[in-house]
Amino acid sequence: MTGSPPARSASERLVHELKVFPNHNTYNGSWLDGRCHGDGLYTWSDGTEYAGEFREGLMWGQGEKRWPSGRRYCGEWAHDMMWGNGEMSRPQRQLFMQCDLS
C-alpha cells in the first residue's frame, strides 16, 4: 500500500474531545471534519485500545494497540492496518517478534 490521505489546509482547525459511540466504543483525542485526526486513544467496547496517530478517521502513523488477551503491537500503521516496522508480543506464550510489514 502506498500513498497518504490528501493534505489539509492550515486553515482547518483540530478540536479535542471525548466521544462515546452508540456501540460503546470511545475516542478521546483530536478531530478534524468529524473524523479522528491527530493523536488520540480509541477504546473498543471489548477493552481493546489503540493509542497513537490517526489520519482522516484511520489508524495511521505511530501507535500501539493492546488487546484484552495481552497481545500488543507497537509500531507503524497505515490504512487501519499494521504497516511498516513494529513489535508484536503475546505475553502468555512468551512470544516476541520484530517485523517489517511493508
Protein backbone atom coordinates (compact mmCIF):
# COMPACT_ATOMS: atom_id res chain seq x y z
CA MET A 1 0.00 0.00 0.00
CA THR A 2 1.27 3.41 -0.84
CA GLY A 3 0.15 6.96 -0.65
CA SER A 4 -1.30 9.00 2.12
CA PRO A 5 -4.52 10.88 2.75
CA PRO A 6 -4.84 14.25 0.99
CA ALA A 7 -3.06 17.17 2.65
CA ARG A 8 -5.22 19.56 4.67
CA SER A 9 -5.02 23.33 4.58
CA ALA A 10 -3.61 25.15 7.59
CA SER A 11 -6.91 26.99 8.00
CA GLU A 12 -8.74 23.82 9.07
CA ARG A 13 -8.64 23.51 12.82
CA LEU A 14 -8.35 20.50 15.05
CA VAL A 15 -10.61 20.12 18.06
CA HIS A 16 -10.06 17.81 21.02
CA GLU A 17 -12.94 15.95 22.62
CA LEU A 18 -14.18 12.66 24.03
CA LYS A 19 -16.88 10.87 22.04
CA VAL A 20 -18.84 7.80 23.10
CA PHE A 21 -20.34 5.92 20.14
CA PRO A 22 -23.68 4.01 20.21
CA ASN A 23 -21.75 0.69 20.25
CA HIS A 24 -19.96 1.89 23.45
CA ASN A 25 -16.59 2.38 21.74
CA THR A 26 -14.90 5.66 22.72
CA TYR A 27 -12.42 8.06 21.17
CA ASN A 28 -10.59 10.70 23.19
CA GLY A 29 -8.40 12.89 21.03
CA SER A 30 -8.16 15.27 18.11
CA TRP A 31 -10.86 15.60 15.45
CA LEU A 32 -10.88 17.22 12.02
CA ASP A 33 -14.04 17.44 9.91
CA GLY A 34 -15.85 14.98 12.20
CA ARG A 35 -13.15 12.29 11.97
CA CYS A 36 -10.36 11.14 14.30
CA HIS A 37 -7.28 13.07 13.15
CA GLY A 38 -4.07 13.61 15.12
CA ASP A 39 -3.20 11.95 18.41
CA GLY A 40 -5.84 10.04 20.31
CA LEU A 41 -6.97 6.99 22.24
CA TYR A 42 -9.63 4.72 20.70
CA THR A 43 -11.13 2.10 23.02
CA TRP A 44 -13.39 -0.69 21.75
CA SER A 45 -16.19 -1.99 23.97
CA ASP A 46 -14.29 -5.30 24.42
CA GLY A 47 -11.37 -3.45 26.07
CA THR A 48 -9.04 -3.33 23.05
CA GLU A 49 -7.18 0.01 22.90
CA TYR A 50 -5.21 1.90 20.26
CA ALA A 51 -3.17 4.92 21.35
CA GLY A 52 -1.42 6.85 18.64
CA GLU A 53 -1.84 8.78 15.43
CA PHE A 54 -4.95 8.97 13.25
CA ARG A 55 -5.45 10.48 9.80
CA GLU A 56 -8.93 11.14 8.47
CA GLY A 57 -10.53 8.51 10.71
CA LEU A 58 -7.89 5.80 10.21
CA MET A 59 -5.06 4.48 12.40
CA TRP A 60 -2.11 5.92 10.50
CA GLY A 61 1.41 6.71 11.73
CA GLN A 62 2.95 5.58 15.02
CA GLY A 63 0.75 3.81 17.52
CA GLU A 64 0.26 0.98 19.97
CA LYS A 65 -2.67 -1.43 20.05
CA ARG A 66 -3.34 -3.63 23.08
CA TRP A 67 -5.86 -6.47 23.18
CA PRO A 68 -7.52 -7.84 26.37
CA SER A 69 -5.66 -11.14 25.77
CA GLY A 70 -2.36 -9.35 26.43
CA ARG A 71 -1.31 -9.25 22.78
CA ARG A 72 0.36 -5.95 21.86
CA TYR A 73 1.60 -4.33 18.65
CA CYS A 74 3.68 -1.16 18.81
CA GLY A 75 4.87 0.40 15.57
CA GLU A 76 3.76 1.86 12.28
CA TRP A 77 0.20 1.87 10.93
CA ALA A 78 -1.40 2.74 7.58
CA HIS A 79 -4.99 2.32 6.34
CA ASP A 80 -6.06 0.98 9.80
CA MET A 81 -3.53 -1.88 9.49
CA MET A 82 -0.15 -2.73 11.00
CA TRP A 83 2.21 -1.49 8.32
CA GLY A 84 5.98 -0.98 8.33
CA ASN A 85 8.23 -1.59 11.32
CA GLY A 86 6.83 -2.74 14.62
CA GLU A 87 6.96 -5.16 17.51
CA MET A 88 4.31 -7.76 18.29
CA SER A 89 4.21 -9.56 21.61
CA ARG A 90 1.99 -12.15 23.26
CA PRO A 91 2.99 -12.38 26.94
CA GLN A 92 1.09 -15.61 27.72
CA ARG A 93 3.25 -17.54 25.28
CA GLN A 94 6.47 -15.59 25.87
CA LEU A 95 6.49 -14.82 22.14
CA PHE A 96 8.17 -11.71 20.81
CA MET A 97 8.62 -10.74 17.19
CA GLN A 98 10.03 -7.73 15.38
CA CYS A 99 8.60 -7.32 11.94
CA ASP A 100 8.57 -5.21 8.83
CA LEU A 101 5.07 -5.45 7.39
CA SER A 102 5.53 -3.05 4.49
